[in-house]
Protein backbone atom coordinates (compact mmCIF):
# COMPACT_ATOMS: atom_id res chain seq x y z
CA MET A 1 0.00 0.00 0.00
CA THR A 2 1.30 3.47 -0.87
CA ASP A 3 0.52 6.87 0.56
CA ALA A 4 -2.86 8.10 -0.74
CA PRO A 5 -2.41 10.06 -4.01
CA THR A 6 -3.93 13.34 -2.90
CA THR A 7 -2.55 16.69 -4.06
CA PRO A 8 0.19 17.67 -1.56
CA SER A 9 0.20 21.07 0.07
CA GLN A 10 3.16 23.32 -0.76
CA PRO A 11 5.24 24.61 2.19
CA SER A 12 6.41 28.24 2.17
CA ARG A 13 10.00 26.99 2.30
CA PRO A 14 11.46 23.51 1.72
CA LEU A 15 10.56 20.76 4.16
CA LEU A 16 13.60 18.50 4.20
CA LEU A 17 13.52 14.94 5.52
CA LEU A 18 17.00 13.64 6.36
CA ILE A 19 17.41 9.90 6.82
CA PRO A 20 20.38 8.37 8.68
CA GLY A 21 22.06 5.13 7.75
CA LEU A 22 23.06 2.01 9.66
CA LEU A 23 23.77 2.79 13.35
CA CYS A 24 23.52 6.51 12.65
CA ASP A 25 21.32 9.09 14.36
CA GLU A 26 20.87 12.88 14.26
CA ALA A 27 24.63 13.35 14.64
CA VAL A 28 25.27 12.19 11.08
CA TRP A 29 23.25 15.17 9.77
CA GLU A 30 24.16 17.67 12.51
CA ALA A 31 26.33 19.95 10.37
CA GLN A 32 23.80 20.02 7.55
CA VAL A 33 20.85 20.76 9.85
CA GLN A 34 22.72 23.71 11.34
CA ALA A 35 23.78 25.07 7.96
CA LEU A 36 20.42 24.58 6.25
CA ALA A 37 18.20 25.78 9.11
CA PRO A 38 17.95 29.34 7.72
CA ILE A 39 16.43 28.12 4.44
CA ALA A 40 14.73 24.78 5.17
CA ASP A 41 12.71 23.02 7.85
CA CYS A 42 14.77 19.91 8.61
CA ILE A 43 13.43 16.73 10.18
CA VAL A 44 15.79 13.82 10.92
CA ALA A 45 14.18 10.39 10.79
CA ARG A 46 14.60 7.77 13.50
CA HIS A 47 14.39 4.08 12.70
CA GLY A 48 13.61 2.85 16.21
CA ALA A 49 13.16 -0.92 16.22
CA ALA A 50 12.13 -1.17 12.54
CA ASP A 51 13.64 -4.20 10.85
CA THR A 52 12.59 -3.60 7.22
CA ILE A 53 13.31 -0.78 4.77
CA ASP A 54 9.56 -0.60 4.12
CA ASP A 55 8.78 0.08 7.79
CA MET A 56 11.61 2.61 8.06
CA ALA A 57 10.14 4.52 5.13
CA ARG A 58 6.62 4.46 6.58
CA GLN A 59 7.88 5.69 9.95
CA ALA A 60 9.78 8.52 8.29
CA ILE A 61 6.77 9.66 6.27
CA ALA A 62 4.65 9.57 9.44
CA MET A 63 6.98 12.14 11.04
CA LEU A 64 5.95 14.75 8.47
CA PRO A 65 2.90 17.02 8.40
CA ALA A 66 0.09 15.09 6.74
CA GLY A 67 -0.20 15.75 3.03
CA GLN A 68 2.72 18.19 2.80
CA ALA A 69 5.24 18.01 -0.03
CA PHE A 70 8.87 17.51 0.96
CA SER A 71 12.41 16.89 -0.21
CA VAL A 72 14.23 13.81 1.08
CA ALA A 73 17.92 13.04 1.49
CA GLY A 74 19.18 9.67 2.69
CA HIS A 75 22.68 8.54 3.59
CA SER A 76 23.83 4.92 3.18
CA MET A 77 20.95 2.69 4.40
CA GLY A 78 18.98 5.93 4.58
CA GLY A 79 19.37 6.29 0.80
CA ARG A 80 17.66 2.94 0.34
CA CYS A 81 14.93 4.20 2.66
CA ALA A 82 14.64 7.37 0.55
CA LEU A 83 14.12 5.25 -2.56
CA GLU A 84 11.39 3.34 -0.74
CA ILE A 85 9.76 6.64 0.21
CA TRP A 86 9.73 7.50 -3.50
CA ARG A 87 8.03 4.17 -4.12
CA GLN A 88 5.41 4.79 -1.42
CA ALA A 89 4.68 8.50 -1.92
CA PRO A 90 6.13 9.81 -5.21
CA HIS A 91 3.45 12.50 -5.51
CA ARG A 92 4.72 14.19 -2.33
CA VAL A 93 8.47 14.06 -3.04
CA GLN A 94 9.81 17.29 -4.58
CA ARG A 95 13.53 16.41 -4.63
CA LEU A 96 15.57 13.29 -3.92
CA ALA A 97 19.18 13.05 -2.69
CA LEU A 98 20.97 9.72 -2.39
CA LEU A 99 24.29 9.81 -0.54
CA ASP A 100 26.84 6.98 -0.35
CA THR A 101 24.21 4.35 -0.97
CA GLY A 102 22.97 1.60 -3.27
CA TYR A 103 19.80 0.38 -4.94
CA GLN A 104 20.09 -3.35 -5.56
CA ALA A 105 18.92 -6.25 -3.40
CA ARG A 106 21.42 -8.54 -1.70
CA PRO A 107 22.84 -10.76 -4.43
CA ALA A 108 22.07 -14.45 -4.52
CA GLY A 109 24.68 -17.15 -4.09
CA ALA A 110 28.12 -16.92 -2.55
CA THR A 111 28.36 -13.12 -2.70
CA GLY A 112 25.14 -12.63 -0.76
CA GLU A 113 26.07 -15.34 1.72
CA ALA A 114 29.42 -13.67 2.32
CA GLU A 115 27.71 -10.35 3.03
CA ALA A 116 25.38 -12.00 5.53
CA ALA A 117 28.27 -13.77 7.25
CA GLN A 118 30.24 -10.53 7.52
CA ARG A 119 27.32 -8.65 9.02
CA MET A 120 26.49 -11.43 11.47
CA ALA A 121 30.13 -11.59 12.60
CA LEU A 122 29.96 -7.89 13.45
CA LEU A 123 26.74 -8.49 15.38
CA ALA A 124 28.39 -11.31 17.32
CA LEU A 125 31.29 -8.97 18.17
CA ALA A 126 28.86 -6.29 19.35
CA ARG A 127 27.08 -8.77 21.60
CA ALA A 128 30.33 -10.12 23.02
CA ASP A 129 32.44 -6.97 23.42
CA GLY A 130 30.00 -4.08 23.11
CA MET A 131 28.94 -1.69 20.40
CA ARG A 132 31.97 0.61 20.66
CA ALA A 133 34.44 -2.24 20.26
CA MET A 134 32.53 -3.45 17.22
CA GLY A 135 32.39 0.07 15.86
CA HIS A 136 36.10 0.60 16.25
CA GLN A 137 36.70 -2.34 13.91
CA TRP A 138 33.85 -1.66 11.51
CA ALA A 139 34.16 2.11 11.15
CA ARG A 140 37.77 1.95 9.98
CA GLY A 141 36.40 0.79 6.65
CA MET A 142 33.89 3.65 6.50
CA VAL A 143 36.12 6.71 6.75
CA HIS A 144 39.13 7.95 4.85
CA PRO A 145 42.28 6.38 6.39
CA ALA A 146 43.59 9.84 7.22
CA ARG A 147 40.73 10.20 9.73
CA TRP A 148 41.35 7.02 11.71
CA GLU A 149 41.61 7.95 15.39
CA SER A 150 40.57 11.54 14.59
CA PRO A 151 37.86 13.57 16.38
CA VAL A 152 35.48 12.67 13.53
CA PHE A 153 36.20 8.98 14.09
CA ALA A 154 35.53 9.41 17.82
CA ARG A 155 32.16 11.06 17.09
CA ILE A 156 31.25 8.14 14.85
CA LEU A 157 32.10 5.70 17.63
CA ASP A 158 30.04 7.76 20.10
CA MET A 159 27.09 7.53 17.71
CA ILE A 160 27.45 3.78 17.25
CA GLU A 161 27.64 3.30 21.01
CA ARG A 162 24.22 4.94 21.44
CA PHE A 163 22.66 1.89 19.75
CA THR A 164 22.04 -1.54 21.25
CA PRO A 165 22.86 -4.94 19.74
CA ALA A 166 19.11 -5.49 19.37
CA GLN A 167 18.79 -2.35 17.22
CA PHE A 168 21.86 -3.43 15.27
CA ALA A 169 20.25 -6.83 14.63
CA ALA A 170 17.03 -5.16 13.40
CA GLN A 171 18.92 -2.94 10.96
CA ILE A 172 21.05 -5.84 9.72
CA HIS A 173 17.80 -7.73 9.02
CA ALA A 174 16.53 -4.74 7.04
CA LEU A 175 19.67 -4.61 4.93
CA LEU A 176 19.91 -8.33 4.30
CA HIS A 177 16.28 -8.28 3.10
CA ARG A 178 16.49 -4.93 1.32
CA PRO A 179 14.21 -4.46 -1.68
CA ASP A 180 15.59 -4.08 -5.17
CA ALA A 181 14.95 -0.53 -6.37
CA THR A 182 16.27 -0.97 -9.91
CA ASP A 183 12.77 -0.61 -11.36
CA LEU A 184 12.32 2.75 -9.64
CA LEU A 185 15.31 4.58 -11.07
CA ALA A 186 14.02 5.36 -14.54
CA ALA A 187 10.72 6.57 -13.07
CA ILE A 188 12.35 9.22 -10.85
CA THR A 189 11.39 12.56 -12.37
CA VAL A 190 12.26 15.02 -9.59
CA PRO A 191 15.60 16.85 -9.24
CA THR A 192 17.97 14.18 -7.90
CA LEU A 193 21.39 14.51 -6.29
CA LEU A 194 23.72 11.52 -6.22
CA LEU A 195 26.63 12.16 -3.86
CA CYS A 196 29.53 9.94 -2.90
CA GLY A 197 32.91 10.20 -1.21
CA ARG A 198 35.62 9.64 -3.79
CA GLU A 199 37.25 7.02 -1.53
CA ASP A 200 34.03 5.36 -0.36
CA GLY A 201 34.82 1.67 -0.26
CA TRP A 202 31.38 0.60 0.99
CA SER A 203 29.23 2.32 -1.63
CA PRO A 204 31.70 3.14 -4.40
CA LEU A 205 31.48 5.97 -6.87
CA ALA A 206 30.97 3.52 -9.75
CA ARG A 207 27.64 2.47 -8.24
CA HIS A 208 26.47 6.09 -8.19
CA GLU A 209 27.58 6.49 -11.79
CA GLU A 210 25.36 3.49 -12.61
CA MET A 211 22.42 5.18 -10.87
CA GLN A 212 23.04 8.38 -12.78
CA ARG A 213 22.76 6.50 -16.07
CA HIS A 214 19.29 5.33 -15.07
CA ILE A 215 17.85 8.47 -13.41
CA PRO A 216 17.07 11.14 -16.03
CA ALA A 217 17.12 14.10 -13.62
CA ALA A 218 20.20 13.09 -11.61
CA ARG A 219 23.34 15.14 -10.95
CA LEU A 220 26.42 13.40 -9.54
CA ALA A 221 28.76 14.98 -7.00
CA ALA A 222 31.98 13.23 -5.98
CA ILE A 223 33.36 14.53 -2.69
CA GLU A 224 37.15 14.59 -2.63
CA ASP A 225 39.30 13.25 0.23
CA CYS A 226 36.28 11.44 1.64
CA GLY A 227 35.13 7.96 2.56
CA HIS A 228 31.65 6.61 3.26
CA MET A 229 30.72 9.01 6.08
CA SER A 230 30.58 12.03 3.81
CA THR A 231 28.23 14.19 5.89
CA MET A 232 30.66 14.05 8.84
CA GLU A 233 33.97 13.78 6.98
CA GLN A 234 33.39 16.67 4.58
CA PRO A 235 30.36 18.53 5.96
CA GLU A 236 30.94 21.80 4.11
CA ALA A 237 31.22 20.14 0.71
CA VAL A 238 28.12 18.05 1.34
CA THR A 239 26.18 21.10 2.50
CA ARG A 240 27.16 23.04 -0.63
CA ALA A 241 25.84 20.22 -2.80
CA LEU A 242 22.60 20.09 -0.83
CA LEU A 243 22.16 23.86 -1.06
CA GLU A 244 22.49 23.71 -4.84
CA TRP A 245 20.03 20.81 -4.94
CA LEU A 246 17.49 22.67 -2.77
CA SER A 247 17.79 25.73 -5.00
CA VAL A 248 16.40 23.87 -8.02
CA ASP A 249 12.93 25.22 -8.81
CA VAL A 250 10.57 22.26 -8.63
CA HIS A 251 7.76 24.35 -10.16
CA ALA A 252 9.61 25.26 -13.35
């Protein structure tokens, strides 16, 4: 079931829904919320105990004023959630931004099994040694090597530590059973930003280039000297890209 196709109301200034990724909360969007506050009403989604991308999308939509049009930006797992929001309520979405993310389902066969095994090993580590210990191992693959043991890395670990193994398990379930959004890409007609850290090893630039080939209205921004955690690693560059995206006239 999708959101009812009524004509959305138009806010006086952009309503911007920001969706965090795996084990991320408001902190992942903190710099952008502060910078964009003068020109947009920002709402950061929370996934709670949701264990499917579908439920995450429904919860995020429910945070918004009923019937109001909005722009949506999602980072990592949040980008997959943003695509699901487009599936559920395309008539309300004015702009779409997909940051350091992907669109395909977990592959079948050995590749998919290896992904599941890797994620479950991290969950076992979190249960045995705690979320911060797990995060210290996991997050090294998510940021540019120059930022290992930096203040940014510490903030990422603080964020991860605010989650429980049970929440981690729910989000792993959502990712392992993620829907395939390939069929959605060509149907996206709103101004779309695809953004990726140049050195993102989790969601590589090549994947965003693939998405750009399928989304007619997409613009691609590669953020230099940046890994997967672009909003925290290079906040000013990400904010500039979002400002340009929000400036596109959706009524033209």
